[in-house]
Amino acid sequence: MIPSIVYKSTVIHLESGDLLLLMTDGITEPRNAKGIMYEESGRLNEVVSSISVDMPIEEVVDTIINDVEAYTADEEQDDDITLVAVRVS
């Protein structure tokens, strides 16, 4: 933790079927050829919204990462891509 930053605790109640995604900025911030970040483009929201409740968790991760890679196509990726997906049972 960084001492100069104020951190706030939050409690979130998850229910069966909920999907929890933990990711680094290597998922949200890659840019396409026009310089638009992946998350700013709305694609992350579109991809996550299209994930069905019965999609296997490995496929969830692959779907998101593959879409990030397709979005950035010919642009150099200079950041790590880390994504953890958890589905509440």
Protein backbone atom coordinates (compact mmCIF):
# COMPACT_ATOMS: atom_id res chain seq x y z
CA MET A 1 0.00 0.00 0.00
CA ILE A 2 1.10 3.54 -0.68
CA PRO A 3 0.96 5.66 2.52
CA SER A 4 -0.15 8.84 0.73
CA ILE A 5 -3.23 7.19 -0.80
CA VAL A 6 -6.44 6.82 1.17
CA TYR A 7 -7.94 3.36 0.70
CA LYS A 8 -11.59 2.58 1.30
CA SER A 9 -12.95 -0.84 2.16
CA THR A 10 -16.11 -1.97 0.42
CA VAL A 11 -18.26 -5.02 1.00
CA ILE A 12 -19.99 -6.55 -1.99
CA HIS A 13 -22.46 -9.38 -1.61
CA LEU A 14 -22.09 -11.91 -4.39
CA GLU A 15 -24.74 -14.39 -5.42
CA SER A 16 -24.60 -17.72 -7.18
CA GLY A 17 -23.71 -17.21 -10.84
CA ASP A 18 -22.03 -13.83 -10.32
CA LEU A 19 -18.78 -13.31 -12.21
CA LEU A 20 -15.91 -11.50 -10.54
CA LEU A 21 -13.15 -10.19 -12.85
CA LEU A 22 -9.84 -8.95 -11.47
CA MET A 23 -7.54 -7.41 -14.07
CA THR A 24 -4.49 -5.26 -14.56
CA ASP A 25 -4.40 -2.18 -16.74
CA GLY A 26 -2.90 -4.40 -19.46
CA ILE A 27 -6.51 -5.39 -20.14
CA THR A 28 -8.13 -1.95 -19.92
CA GLU A 29 -5.50 0.40 -21.36
CA PRO A 30 -4.10 -1.10 -24.59
CA ARG A 31 -4.68 1.21 -27.55
CA ASN A 32 -5.73 0.46 -31.09
CA ALA A 33 -4.19 2.08 -34.19
CA LYS A 34 -6.32 5.20 -33.58
CA GLY A 35 -4.96 5.55 -30.03
CA ILE A 36 -8.24 4.67 -28.32
CA MET A 37 -7.94 2.57 -25.16
CA TYR A 38 -9.75 -0.75 -25.10
CA GLU A 39 -11.96 0.11 -22.13
CA GLU A 40 -12.74 3.60 -23.48
CA SER A 41 -13.93 2.03 -26.74
CA GLY A 42 -16.70 0.19 -24.90
CA ARG A 43 -15.52 -3.21 -26.09
CA LEU A 44 -14.74 -4.51 -22.61
CA ASN A 45 -18.31 -3.82 -21.56
CA GLU A 46 -19.65 -5.42 -24.75
CA VAL A 47 -17.56 -8.56 -24.30
CA VAL A 48 -18.38 -8.94 -20.60
CA SER A 49 -22.09 -8.35 -21.32
CA SER A 50 -22.04 -11.13 -23.91
CA ILE A 51 -20.67 -13.75 -21.49
CA SER A 52 -23.35 -16.30 -20.65
CA VAL A 53 -23.77 -17.65 -17.13
CA ASP A 54 -22.91 -21.16 -18.33
CA MET A 55 -19.71 -20.21 -20.23
CA PRO A 56 -16.79 -22.16 -18.73
CA ILE A 57 -14.49 -19.89 -16.72
CA GLU A 58 -11.47 -20.76 -18.92
CA GLU A 59 -13.46 -19.62 -21.95
CA VAL A 60 -14.38 -16.36 -20.16
CA VAL A 61 -10.68 -15.56 -19.71
CA ASP A 62 -9.79 -16.60 -23.28
CA THR A 63 -12.69 -14.58 -24.74
CA ILE A 64 -11.63 -11.36 -23.02
CA ILE A 65 -7.90 -11.73 -23.67
CA ASN A 66 -8.45 -12.72 -27.32
CA ASP A 67 -10.64 -9.66 -27.84
CA VAL A 68 -8.01 -7.37 -26.29
CA GLU A 69 -5.40 -8.87 -28.61
CA ALA A 70 -7.68 -8.50 -31.65
CA TYR A 71 -8.44 -4.89 -30.70
CA THR A 72 -4.78 -3.97 -30.54
CA ALA A 73 -3.97 -6.08 -33.64
CA ASP A 74 -0.79 -4.53 -35.01
CA GLU A 75 -0.01 -2.29 -32.05
CA GLU A 76 2.82 -3.27 -29.74
CA GLN A 77 1.69 -4.52 -26.33
CA ASP A 78 4.09 -3.15 -23.74
CA ASP A 79 2.22 -4.01 -20.56
CA ASP A 80 1.41 -7.26 -18.82
CA ILE A 81 -2.03 -8.77 -19.34
CA THR A 82 -3.37 -10.35 -16.18
CA LEU A 83 -6.95 -11.49 -15.75
CA VAL A 84 -8.46 -13.57 -12.96
CA ALA A 85 -12.05 -14.72 -13.33
CA VAL A 86 -14.10 -16.24 -10.53
CA ARG A 87 -17.66 -17.47 -10.80
CA VAL A 88 -19.61 -17.80 -7.57
CA SER A 89 -21.25 -21.20 -7.25
